[in-house]
N, C-alpha and C. Protein backbone atom coordinates (compact mmCIF):
# COMPACT_ATOMS: atom_id res chain seq x y z
N MET A 1 -10.64 19.51 -1.06
CA MET A 1 -9.46 19.01 -0.37
C MET A 1 -9.67 17.55 0.03
N LYS A 2 -8.83 16.67 -0.49
CA LYS A 2 -8.91 15.26 -0.12
C LYS A 2 -8.02 15.00 1.09
N LYS A 3 -8.58 14.34 2.09
CA LYS A 3 -7.81 13.97 3.27
C LYS A 3 -7.42 12.50 3.15
N ILE A 4 -6.13 12.25 3.10
CA ILE A 4 -5.63 10.89 2.94
C ILE A 4 -4.88 10.51 4.20
N GLY A 5 -5.34 9.45 4.83
CA GLY A 5 -4.72 8.99 6.06
C GLY A 5 -3.50 8.13 5.80
N VAL A 6 -2.57 8.16 6.73
CA VAL A 6 -1.45 7.23 6.73
C VAL A 6 -1.52 6.49 8.05
N LEU A 7 -1.64 5.18 7.98
CA LEU A 7 -1.72 4.37 9.19
C LEU A 7 -0.45 4.59 10.02
N ALA A 8 -0.63 5.12 11.21
CA ALA A 8 0.51 5.62 11.99
C ALA A 8 0.79 4.77 13.22
N VAL A 9 0.95 3.46 12.99
CA VAL A 9 1.31 2.61 14.13
C VAL A 9 2.77 2.17 14.08
N GLN A 10 3.35 2.08 12.88
CA GLN A 10 4.74 1.68 12.74
C GLN A 10 5.13 1.85 11.27
N GLY A 11 6.40 2.11 11.01
CA GLY A 11 6.87 2.15 9.63
C GLY A 11 7.10 3.57 9.11
N ALA A 12 7.15 3.68 7.78
CA ALA A 12 7.52 4.93 7.10
C ALA A 12 6.32 5.87 7.02
N VAL A 13 5.87 6.34 8.16
CA VAL A 13 4.66 7.14 8.25
C VAL A 13 4.89 8.57 7.80
N ARG A 14 5.82 9.26 8.43
CA ARG A 14 6.07 10.68 8.17
C ARG A 14 6.43 10.92 6.70
N GLU A 15 7.18 10.00 6.11
CA GLU A 15 7.59 10.16 4.71
C GLU A 15 6.37 10.21 3.78
N HIS A 16 5.39 9.34 4.03
CA HIS A 16 4.17 9.35 3.20
C HIS A 16 3.39 10.65 3.41
N VAL A 17 3.26 11.09 4.65
CA VAL A 17 2.54 12.34 4.93
C VAL A 17 3.20 13.50 4.20
N ASP A 18 4.54 13.55 4.25
CA ASP A 18 5.27 14.63 3.57
C ASP A 18 5.03 14.60 2.07
N MET A 19 5.00 13.41 1.47
CA MET A 19 4.74 13.30 0.03
C MET A 19 3.33 13.78 -0.31
N LEU A 20 2.35 13.34 0.48
CA LEU A 20 0.96 13.72 0.22
C LEU A 20 0.78 15.24 0.31
N ASN A 21 1.45 15.85 1.26
CA ASN A 21 1.30 17.29 1.46
C ASN A 21 1.95 18.13 0.36
N GLN A 22 2.66 17.48 -0.55
CA GLN A 22 3.22 18.19 -1.71
C GLN A 22 2.25 18.21 -2.89
N ILE A 23 1.14 17.50 -2.76
CA ILE A 23 0.16 17.40 -3.85
C ILE A 23 -0.96 18.41 -3.61
N GLU A 24 -1.31 19.12 -4.65
CA GLU A 24 -2.34 20.16 -4.55
C GLU A 24 -3.68 19.57 -4.13
N ASP A 25 -4.36 20.27 -3.23
CA ASP A 25 -5.69 19.88 -2.74
C ASP A 25 -5.70 18.53 -2.01
N VAL A 26 -4.55 18.17 -1.42
CA VAL A 26 -4.46 16.93 -0.64
C VAL A 26 -3.84 17.25 0.72
N GLN A 27 -4.41 16.66 1.75
CA GLN A 27 -3.84 16.78 3.09
C GLN A 27 -3.57 15.38 3.63
N GLY A 28 -2.32 15.13 3.99
CA GLY A 28 -1.96 13.87 4.60
C GLY A 28 -2.15 13.95 6.10
N ILE A 29 -2.85 12.98 6.68
CA ILE A 29 -3.10 13.01 8.12
C ILE A 29 -2.77 11.64 8.75
N LEU A 30 -2.40 11.66 10.00
CA LEU A 30 -2.07 10.44 10.72
C LEU A 30 -3.34 9.75 11.19
N VAL A 31 -3.37 8.44 11.07
CA VAL A 31 -4.50 7.64 11.56
C VAL A 31 -3.96 6.61 12.54
N LYS A 32 -4.37 6.75 13.80
CA LYS A 32 -3.96 5.81 14.85
C LYS A 32 -5.13 5.07 15.48
N TYR A 33 -6.32 5.67 15.39
CA TYR A 33 -7.48 5.12 16.08
C TYR A 33 -8.63 4.90 15.11
N ALA A 34 -9.48 3.94 15.45
CA ALA A 34 -10.56 3.53 14.54
C ALA A 34 -11.46 4.70 14.14
N HIS A 35 -11.81 5.59 15.07
CA HIS A 35 -12.74 6.68 14.74
C HIS A 35 -12.15 7.63 13.70
N GLU A 36 -10.82 7.67 13.60
CA GLU A 36 -10.17 8.57 12.62
C GLU A 36 -10.37 8.08 11.19
N LEU A 37 -10.73 6.82 11.02
CA LEU A 37 -11.02 6.30 9.68
C LEU A 37 -12.23 6.98 9.05
N ASP A 38 -13.10 7.55 9.90
CA ASP A 38 -14.30 8.22 9.39
C ASP A 38 -13.99 9.55 8.71
N PHE A 39 -12.79 10.06 8.89
CA PHE A 39 -12.46 11.40 8.41
C PHE A 39 -11.50 11.41 7.22
N VAL A 40 -11.23 10.22 6.65
CA VAL A 40 -10.30 10.17 5.53
C VAL A 40 -10.99 9.67 4.27
N ASP A 41 -10.49 10.14 3.13
CA ASP A 41 -11.01 9.73 1.82
C ASP A 41 -10.27 8.52 1.27
N GLY A 42 -9.14 8.19 1.87
CA GLY A 42 -8.33 7.05 1.47
C GLY A 42 -7.29 6.82 2.54
N LEU A 43 -6.62 5.67 2.48
CA LEU A 43 -5.64 5.32 3.52
C LEU A 43 -4.43 4.63 2.92
N ILE A 44 -3.25 5.03 3.37
CA ILE A 44 -2.01 4.35 3.00
C ILE A 44 -1.55 3.52 4.19
N ILE A 45 -1.25 2.25 3.92
CA ILE A 45 -0.62 1.38 4.92
C ILE A 45 0.85 1.33 4.55
N PRO A 46 1.72 1.94 5.36
CA PRO A 46 3.11 2.11 4.95
C PRO A 46 3.95 0.85 5.12
N GLY A 47 5.15 0.92 4.55
CA GLY A 47 6.13 -0.14 4.77
C GLY A 47 6.60 -0.09 6.21
N GLY A 48 7.16 -1.18 6.64
CA GLY A 48 7.63 -1.33 8.01
C GLY A 48 7.80 -2.81 8.25
N GLU A 49 7.40 -3.29 9.39
CA GLU A 49 7.50 -4.72 9.70
C GLU A 49 6.06 -5.26 9.81
N SER A 50 5.69 -6.11 8.87
CA SER A 50 4.28 -6.52 8.76
C SER A 50 3.76 -7.20 10.01
N THR A 51 4.58 -8.03 10.64
CA THR A 51 4.13 -8.72 11.86
C THR A 51 3.85 -7.72 12.97
N ALA A 52 4.75 -6.75 13.11
CA ALA A 52 4.57 -5.71 14.15
C ALA A 52 3.34 -4.86 13.86
N ILE A 53 3.16 -4.46 12.60
CA ILE A 53 2.00 -3.63 12.25
C ILE A 53 0.71 -4.42 12.49
N GLY A 54 0.71 -5.70 12.08
CA GLY A 54 -0.47 -6.53 12.29
C GLY A 54 -0.82 -6.65 13.77
N ARG A 55 0.20 -6.84 14.60
CA ARG A 55 -0.04 -6.95 16.05
C ARG A 55 -0.58 -5.64 16.61
N LEU A 56 0.00 -4.53 16.16
CA LEU A 56 -0.45 -3.22 16.65
C LEU A 56 -1.86 -2.89 16.18
N LEU A 57 -2.22 -3.31 14.96
CA LEU A 57 -3.59 -3.13 14.49
C LEU A 57 -4.57 -3.83 15.43
N ARG A 58 -4.19 -5.02 15.87
CA ARG A 58 -5.05 -5.76 16.81
C ARG A 58 -5.06 -5.07 18.17
N ASP A 59 -3.88 -4.67 18.65
CA ASP A 59 -3.77 -4.03 19.97
C ASP A 59 -4.56 -2.72 20.03
N PHE A 60 -4.55 -1.96 18.91
CA PHE A 60 -5.22 -0.66 18.88
C PHE A 60 -6.71 -0.80 18.53
N GLY A 61 -7.17 -2.04 18.32
CA GLY A 61 -8.57 -2.24 17.94
C GLY A 61 -8.89 -1.70 16.56
N LEU A 62 -7.88 -1.71 15.68
CA LEU A 62 -8.04 -1.13 14.35
C LEU A 62 -8.32 -2.17 13.26
N LEU A 63 -7.96 -3.42 13.50
CA LEU A 63 -8.00 -4.42 12.44
C LEU A 63 -9.40 -4.58 11.85
N GLU A 64 -10.39 -4.86 12.70
CA GLU A 64 -11.75 -5.09 12.18
C GLU A 64 -12.38 -3.84 11.60
N PRO A 65 -12.28 -2.66 12.29
CA PRO A 65 -12.84 -1.45 11.68
C PRO A 65 -12.21 -1.12 10.33
N LEU A 66 -10.89 -1.34 10.22
CA LEU A 66 -10.21 -1.05 8.96
C LEU A 66 -10.65 -2.02 7.87
N ARG A 67 -10.75 -3.30 8.21
CA ARG A 67 -11.23 -4.28 7.24
C ARG A 67 -12.63 -3.91 6.76
N THR A 68 -13.51 -3.55 7.69
CA THR A 68 -14.89 -3.18 7.35
C THR A 68 -14.92 -1.98 6.41
N LYS A 69 -14.11 -0.97 6.70
CA LYS A 69 -14.06 0.23 5.85
C LYS A 69 -13.58 -0.11 4.44
N ILE A 70 -12.53 -0.93 4.35
CA ILE A 70 -12.00 -1.29 3.03
C ILE A 70 -13.03 -2.10 2.25
N GLU A 71 -13.67 -3.05 2.93
CA GLU A 71 -14.70 -3.86 2.26
C GLU A 71 -15.88 -3.01 1.80
N ALA A 72 -16.10 -1.88 2.49
CA ALA A 72 -17.18 -0.96 2.10
C ALA A 72 -16.76 0.00 0.99
N GLY A 73 -15.46 -0.04 0.62
CA GLY A 73 -15.01 0.77 -0.51
C GLY A 73 -13.99 1.84 -0.22
N LEU A 74 -13.49 1.94 1.01
CA LEU A 74 -12.45 2.93 1.30
C LEU A 74 -11.21 2.63 0.48
N PRO A 75 -10.75 3.57 -0.37
CA PRO A 75 -9.53 3.34 -1.13
C PRO A 75 -8.34 3.14 -0.19
N VAL A 76 -7.53 2.12 -0.49
CA VAL A 76 -6.39 1.80 0.36
C VAL A 76 -5.20 1.46 -0.52
N TRP A 77 -4.02 1.83 -0.04
CA TRP A 77 -2.77 1.54 -0.75
C TRP A 77 -1.78 0.98 0.26
N GLY A 78 -1.36 -0.25 0.03
CA GLY A 78 -0.36 -0.87 0.89
C GLY A 78 0.99 -0.89 0.20
N THR A 79 2.00 -0.32 0.87
CA THR A 79 3.36 -0.33 0.32
C THR A 79 4.22 -1.31 1.13
N CYS A 80 4.88 -2.22 0.45
CA CYS A 80 5.79 -3.20 1.05
C CYS A 80 5.05 -4.00 2.14
N ALA A 81 5.29 -3.72 3.40
CA ALA A 81 4.57 -4.44 4.46
C ALA A 81 3.06 -4.28 4.31
N GLY A 82 2.63 -3.13 3.79
CA GLY A 82 1.21 -2.90 3.56
C GLY A 82 0.62 -3.89 2.57
N MET A 83 1.42 -4.28 1.57
CA MET A 83 0.99 -5.30 0.60
C MET A 83 0.72 -6.62 1.33
N ILE A 84 1.60 -6.97 2.25
CA ILE A 84 1.45 -8.21 3.03
C ILE A 84 0.18 -8.15 3.88
N LEU A 85 -0.07 -6.99 4.48
CA LEU A 85 -1.25 -6.84 5.35
C LEU A 85 -2.56 -6.94 4.57
N LEU A 86 -2.56 -6.49 3.32
CA LEU A 86 -3.77 -6.53 2.50
C LEU A 86 -4.08 -7.93 1.96
N ALA A 87 -3.05 -8.76 1.81
CA ALA A 87 -3.17 -10.04 1.11
C ALA A 87 -4.10 -11.03 1.81
N LYS A 88 -4.83 -11.79 0.98
CA LYS A 88 -5.67 -12.86 1.52
C LYS A 88 -4.85 -14.07 1.93
N LYS A 89 -3.64 -14.20 1.33
CA LYS A 89 -2.83 -15.38 1.62
C LYS A 89 -1.35 -15.02 1.53
N LEU A 90 -0.55 -15.64 2.41
CA LEU A 90 0.90 -15.49 2.38
C LEU A 90 1.52 -16.85 2.07
N VAL A 91 2.60 -16.85 1.31
CA VAL A 91 3.29 -18.09 0.97
C VAL A 91 3.97 -18.65 2.23
N ASN A 92 3.72 -19.93 2.51
CA ASN A 92 4.34 -20.62 3.66
C ASN A 92 4.08 -19.93 4.99
N ASP A 93 2.91 -19.32 5.12
CA ASP A 93 2.57 -18.61 6.36
C ASP A 93 1.05 -18.57 6.47
N ASP A 94 0.51 -19.09 7.55
CA ASP A 94 -0.94 -19.13 7.73
C ASP A 94 -1.52 -17.81 8.23
N THR A 95 -0.65 -16.86 8.55
CA THR A 95 -1.12 -15.57 9.07
C THR A 95 -1.92 -14.81 8.01
N VAL A 96 -3.05 -14.28 8.42
CA VAL A 96 -3.81 -13.36 7.58
C VAL A 96 -4.11 -12.15 8.44
N HIS A 97 -3.82 -10.96 7.91
CA HIS A 97 -4.07 -9.74 8.67
C HIS A 97 -5.41 -9.16 8.23
N LEU A 98 -5.42 -8.29 7.24
CA LEU A 98 -6.69 -7.73 6.75
C LEU A 98 -7.40 -8.69 5.79
N GLY A 99 -6.63 -9.36 4.94
CA GLY A 99 -7.20 -10.37 4.06
C GLY A 99 -8.26 -9.86 3.11
N VAL A 100 -8.05 -8.67 2.56
CA VAL A 100 -9.07 -8.05 1.70
C VAL A 100 -8.73 -8.10 0.21
N MET A 101 -7.47 -8.31 -0.12
CA MET A 101 -7.06 -8.26 -1.53
C MET A 101 -6.74 -9.67 -2.00
N ASP A 102 -7.23 -10.01 -3.19
CA ASP A 102 -7.14 -11.38 -3.69
C ASP A 102 -5.76 -11.66 -4.28
N ILE A 103 -4.76 -11.59 -3.41
CA ILE A 103 -3.38 -11.86 -3.81
C ILE A 103 -2.72 -12.78 -2.79
N GLU A 104 -1.77 -13.59 -3.28
CA GLU A 104 -0.91 -14.39 -2.41
C GLU A 104 0.48 -13.79 -2.50
N VAL A 105 1.05 -13.46 -1.36
CA VAL A 105 2.30 -12.69 -1.32
C VAL A 105 3.43 -13.49 -0.68
N SER A 106 4.61 -13.39 -1.29
CA SER A 106 5.84 -13.94 -0.70
C SER A 106 6.50 -12.85 0.13
N ARG A 107 6.57 -13.06 1.44
CA ARG A 107 7.24 -12.09 2.32
C ARG A 107 8.74 -12.17 2.07
N ASN A 108 9.42 -11.02 2.18
CA ASN A 108 10.86 -10.98 1.91
C ASN A 108 11.19 -11.79 0.65
N GLY A 109 10.36 -11.58 -0.37
CA GLY A 109 10.44 -12.38 -1.58
C GLY A 109 11.79 -12.36 -2.26
N TYR A 110 12.52 -11.26 -2.11
CA TYR A 110 13.80 -11.15 -2.77
C TYR A 110 14.96 -11.61 -1.90
N GLY A 111 14.65 -12.08 -0.70
CA GLY A 111 15.70 -12.60 0.16
C GLY A 111 16.49 -11.49 0.84
N ARG A 112 17.00 -11.81 2.00
CA ARG A 112 17.71 -10.80 2.79
C ARG A 112 19.06 -10.42 2.19
N GLN A 113 19.69 -11.37 1.46
CA GLN A 113 21.02 -11.03 0.95
C GLN A 113 20.99 -9.88 -0.06
N LEU A 114 19.94 -9.83 -0.87
CA LEU A 114 19.84 -8.72 -1.81
C LEU A 114 19.50 -7.43 -1.07
N GLY A 115 18.84 -7.59 0.07
CA GLY A 115 18.53 -6.43 0.91
C GLY A 115 17.67 -5.41 0.19
N SER A 116 18.29 -4.56 -0.59
CA SER A 116 17.52 -3.57 -1.32
C SER A 116 18.14 -3.34 -2.69
N PHE A 117 17.31 -2.83 -3.59
CA PHE A 117 17.80 -2.49 -4.92
C PHE A 117 16.88 -1.43 -5.51
N GLU A 118 17.34 -0.81 -6.57
CA GLU A 118 16.56 0.24 -7.22
C GLU A 118 16.37 -0.08 -8.69
N LYS A 119 15.25 0.38 -9.21
CA LYS A 119 14.93 0.24 -10.64
C LYS A 119 14.30 1.54 -11.10
N VAL A 120 14.43 1.81 -12.39
CA VAL A 120 13.71 2.92 -13.00
C VAL A 120 12.81 2.30 -14.07
N VAL A 121 11.51 2.59 -13.99
CA VAL A 121 10.55 1.95 -14.88
C VAL A 121 9.61 2.97 -15.49
N ASN A 122 8.91 2.53 -16.53
CA ASN A 122 7.86 3.35 -17.12
C ASN A 122 6.55 2.60 -17.00
N ILE A 123 5.57 3.21 -16.35
CA ILE A 123 4.24 2.62 -16.21
C ILE A 123 3.24 3.63 -16.73
N PRO A 124 2.84 3.53 -18.00
CA PRO A 124 1.98 4.55 -18.62
C PRO A 124 0.71 4.84 -17.83
N GLU A 125 0.15 3.82 -17.16
CA GLU A 125 -1.08 4.04 -16.40
C GLU A 125 -0.85 4.94 -15.19
N VAL A 126 0.39 4.96 -14.71
CA VAL A 126 0.70 5.71 -13.48
C VAL A 126 1.27 7.09 -13.78
N ALA A 127 2.19 7.16 -14.74
CA ALA A 127 2.86 8.44 -15.03
C ALA A 127 3.35 8.49 -16.47
N ASP A 128 3.58 9.70 -16.96
CA ASP A 128 4.06 9.88 -18.34
C ASP A 128 5.54 9.53 -18.50
N GLY A 129 6.32 9.78 -17.46
CA GLY A 129 7.77 9.55 -17.56
C GLY A 129 8.23 8.38 -16.72
N ASP A 130 9.55 8.28 -16.59
CA ASP A 130 10.15 7.21 -15.80
C ASP A 130 9.93 7.44 -14.31
N ILE A 131 9.80 6.34 -13.59
CA ILE A 131 9.57 6.37 -12.14
C ILE A 131 10.69 5.60 -11.45
N PRO A 132 11.38 6.22 -10.49
CA PRO A 132 12.39 5.48 -9.72
C PRO A 132 11.71 4.67 -8.61
N LEU A 133 12.14 3.43 -8.47
CA LEU A 133 11.56 2.55 -7.45
C LEU A 133 12.66 2.05 -6.51
N THR A 134 12.36 2.02 -5.23
CA THR A 134 13.29 1.50 -4.24
C THR A 134 12.66 0.31 -3.52
N PHE A 135 13.36 -0.82 -3.57
CA PHE A 135 12.90 -2.05 -2.92
C PHE A 135 13.78 -2.33 -1.70
N ILE A 136 13.14 -2.60 -0.56
CA ILE A 136 13.87 -2.92 0.66
C ILE A 136 13.29 -4.21 1.23
N ARG A 137 14.07 -5.31 1.13
CA ARG A 137 13.58 -6.63 1.56
C ARG A 137 12.13 -6.82 1.13
N ALA A 138 11.92 -6.60 -0.14
CA ALA A 138 10.56 -6.47 -0.67
C ALA A 138 9.83 -7.81 -0.81
N PRO A 139 8.53 -7.76 -0.63
CA PRO A 139 7.69 -8.91 -0.99
C PRO A 139 7.39 -8.86 -2.48
N TYR A 140 6.70 -9.86 -2.98
CA TYR A 140 6.12 -9.78 -4.32
C TYR A 140 4.89 -10.66 -4.35
N VAL A 141 4.05 -10.44 -5.37
CA VAL A 141 2.81 -11.21 -5.50
C VAL A 141 3.12 -12.50 -6.23
N ASN A 142 2.81 -13.61 -5.57
CA ASN A 142 3.08 -14.94 -6.10
C ASN A 142 1.96 -15.39 -7.04
N SER A 143 0.72 -15.08 -6.66
CA SER A 143 -0.44 -15.40 -7.50
C SER A 143 -1.58 -14.45 -7.13
N MET A 144 -2.58 -14.40 -8.00
CA MET A 144 -3.67 -13.44 -7.76
C MET A 144 -4.94 -13.91 -8.43
N GLY A 145 -6.06 -13.34 -7.97
CA GLY A 145 -7.35 -13.66 -8.55
C GLY A 145 -7.60 -12.90 -9.85
N ASN A 146 -8.67 -13.28 -10.55
CA ASN A 146 -8.98 -12.68 -11.85
C ASN A 146 -9.34 -11.20 -11.78
N SER A 147 -9.76 -10.73 -10.61
CA SER A 147 -10.17 -9.33 -10.49
C SER A 147 -9.01 -8.38 -10.19
N VAL A 148 -7.81 -8.93 -10.13
CA VAL A 148 -6.62 -8.12 -9.83
C VAL A 148 -5.89 -7.80 -11.13
N ASP A 149 -5.54 -6.53 -11.31
CA ASP A 149 -4.79 -6.09 -12.49
C ASP A 149 -3.33 -5.86 -12.13
N VAL A 150 -2.45 -6.37 -12.97
CA VAL A 150 -1.02 -6.16 -12.76
C VAL A 150 -0.64 -4.79 -13.31
N LEU A 151 0.02 -3.97 -12.49
CA LEU A 151 0.55 -2.69 -12.94
C LEU A 151 2.02 -2.81 -13.34
N LEU A 152 2.75 -3.69 -12.64
CA LEU A 152 4.18 -3.81 -12.92
C LEU A 152 4.71 -5.17 -12.52
N GLU A 153 5.45 -5.76 -13.45
CA GLU A 153 6.24 -6.96 -13.16
C GLU A 153 7.71 -6.62 -13.36
N ILE A 154 8.56 -7.14 -12.52
CA ILE A 154 10.01 -7.02 -12.69
C ILE A 154 10.59 -8.43 -12.61
N ASP A 155 11.29 -8.82 -13.67
CA ASP A 155 11.90 -10.16 -13.74
C ASP A 155 10.86 -11.26 -13.46
N GLY A 156 9.66 -11.07 -14.01
CA GLY A 156 8.62 -12.07 -13.88
C GLY A 156 7.90 -12.08 -12.55
N ARG A 157 8.19 -11.12 -11.69
CA ARG A 157 7.55 -11.05 -10.38
C ARG A 157 6.65 -9.82 -10.31
N ILE A 158 5.42 -10.00 -9.83
CA ILE A 158 4.46 -8.90 -9.75
C ILE A 158 4.79 -8.05 -8.53
N VAL A 159 5.08 -6.77 -8.78
CA VAL A 159 5.48 -5.88 -7.69
C VAL A 159 4.53 -4.69 -7.52
N ALA A 160 3.54 -4.58 -8.39
CA ALA A 160 2.50 -3.56 -8.23
C ALA A 160 1.23 -4.08 -8.88
N CYS A 161 0.11 -3.97 -8.15
CA CYS A 161 -1.16 -4.45 -8.69
C CYS A 161 -2.31 -3.67 -8.05
N ARG A 162 -3.45 -3.82 -8.69
CA ARG A 162 -4.63 -3.09 -8.24
C ARG A 162 -5.86 -3.97 -8.36
N GLN A 163 -6.70 -3.91 -7.36
CA GLN A 163 -7.99 -4.59 -7.39
C GLN A 163 -9.04 -3.58 -6.97
N SER A 164 -9.78 -3.06 -7.94
CA SER A 164 -10.80 -2.05 -7.68
C SER A 164 -10.19 -0.86 -6.93
N HIS A 165 -10.58 -0.65 -5.69
CA HIS A 165 -10.14 0.51 -4.90
C HIS A 165 -8.91 0.20 -4.03
N MET A 166 -8.28 -0.96 -4.29
CA MET A 166 -7.11 -1.37 -3.49
C MET A 166 -5.87 -1.41 -4.38
N LEU A 167 -4.80 -0.81 -3.88
CA LEU A 167 -3.52 -0.74 -4.59
C LEU A 167 -2.45 -1.36 -3.70
N ALA A 168 -1.58 -2.16 -4.28
CA ALA A 168 -0.48 -2.76 -3.51
C ALA A 168 0.81 -2.63 -4.30
N THR A 169 1.86 -2.14 -3.62
CA THR A 169 3.17 -2.02 -4.26
C THR A 169 4.22 -2.62 -3.33
N ALA A 170 5.20 -3.30 -3.93
CA ALA A 170 6.26 -3.95 -3.14
C ALA A 170 7.37 -2.97 -2.76
N PHE A 171 7.36 -1.81 -3.39
CA PHE A 171 8.47 -0.86 -3.24
C PHE A 171 8.05 0.32 -2.37
N HIS A 172 8.96 1.25 -2.18
CA HIS A 172 8.78 2.37 -1.26
C HIS A 172 8.83 3.72 -2.01
N PRO A 173 7.72 4.16 -2.61
CA PRO A 173 7.74 5.45 -3.31
C PRO A 173 8.02 6.63 -2.37
N GLU A 174 7.74 6.45 -1.09
CA GLU A 174 7.87 7.56 -0.15
C GLU A 174 9.32 7.93 0.16
N ILE A 175 10.28 7.08 -0.23
CA ILE A 175 11.67 7.43 0.04
C ILE A 175 12.40 7.90 -1.22
N THR A 176 11.63 8.15 -2.28
CA THR A 176 12.18 8.82 -3.46
C THR A 176 11.62 10.24 -3.47
N ASN A 177 12.03 11.01 -4.45
CA ASN A 177 11.46 12.36 -4.60
C ASN A 177 10.35 12.39 -5.64
N ASP A 178 9.91 11.20 -6.06
CA ASP A 178 8.95 11.10 -7.15
C ASP A 178 7.53 10.91 -6.59
N LEU A 179 6.63 11.78 -7.00
CA LEU A 179 5.25 11.77 -6.49
C LEU A 179 4.29 10.94 -7.35
N SER A 180 4.80 10.25 -8.37
CA SER A 180 3.92 9.61 -9.35
C SER A 180 2.91 8.66 -8.72
N PHE A 181 3.36 7.78 -7.85
CA PHE A 181 2.43 6.80 -7.28
C PHE A 181 1.47 7.45 -6.29
N HIS A 182 1.93 8.45 -5.55
CA HIS A 182 1.02 9.16 -4.65
C HIS A 182 -0.07 9.89 -5.46
N LYS A 183 0.32 10.48 -6.57
CA LYS A 183 -0.66 11.15 -7.43
C LYS A 183 -1.63 10.14 -8.05
N TYR A 184 -1.11 8.97 -8.40
CA TYR A 184 -1.96 7.91 -8.95
C TYR A 184 -3.01 7.49 -7.91
N PHE A 185 -2.58 7.35 -6.66
CA PHE A 185 -3.53 6.99 -5.59
C PHE A 185 -4.57 8.08 -5.39
N VAL A 186 -4.15 9.33 -5.48
CA VAL A 186 -5.10 10.44 -5.37
C VAL A 186 -6.13 10.37 -6.50
N ARG A 187 -5.68 10.06 -7.70
CA ARG A 187 -6.62 9.92 -8.83
C ARG A 187 -7.59 8.77 -8.59
N MET A 188 -7.09 7.67 -8.03
CA MET A 188 -7.97 6.56 -7.67
C MET A 188 -9.06 7.02 -6.71
N ILE A 189 -8.67 7.80 -5.71
CA ILE A 189 -9.62 8.27 -4.70
C ILE A 189 -10.66 9.19 -5.32
N LYS A 190 -10.21 10.07 -6.21
CA LYS A 190 -11.15 11.00 -6.84
C LYS A 190 -12.16 10.30 -7.73
N LYS A 191 -11.77 9.16 -8.28
CA LYS A 191 -12.69 8.40 -9.14
C LYS A 191 -13.64 7.53 -8.31
N GLN A 192 -13.29 7.32 -7.06
CA GLN A 192 -14.06 6.42 -6.21
C GLN A 192 -15.22 7.17 -5.56
N SER A 193 -16.38 6.60 -5.61
CA SER A 193 -17.55 7.25 -5.00
C SER A 193 -17.77 6.70 -3.59
N TYR A 194 -16.75 6.82 -2.76
CA TYR A 194 -16.87 6.31 -1.38
C TYR A 194 -17.44 7.42 -0.50
N ASP A 195 -18.36 7.07 0.36
CA ASP A 195 -18.86 8.06 1.31
C ASP A 195 -19.20 7.42 2.64
């Protein structure tokens, strides 16, 4: 049984836990405190408001312990705001939260007027069939280091990428009924020899 934490300080927490609990041999659990990081095989940083989540990580004393765990190999997946939190650099913003993933991210990259949109895509590495994606004031990756692999580009913008044990997506898989990305993250965890 793999225990996968969902960072439970702000954002789409319950939705991710519900998705994880639909996968065989996986238990989704809430992570609010640093010591709880010791009991998970991987962690999802959900969408929400990146500035608020970053502040709460600092307030809860979670920022440094979480960074240390990720740098030591804890598999992590940031969705939307989570992508921003993982990034080493933000466009036109000196703020760095965890700063563990070699990507530069544009916050609200698609602009507020577009608000949200949906796409259906095929990503052979992630799933055999089509995957529905929902974007809500989404960021995107502006540039990245050589060790980062692109999983998906839409209209020339990188919206899903992976660097070793770190996964970042600009969209919200937890608000669809499709488990493809959650299952992909579980496969990442099973391949990772983190202890």
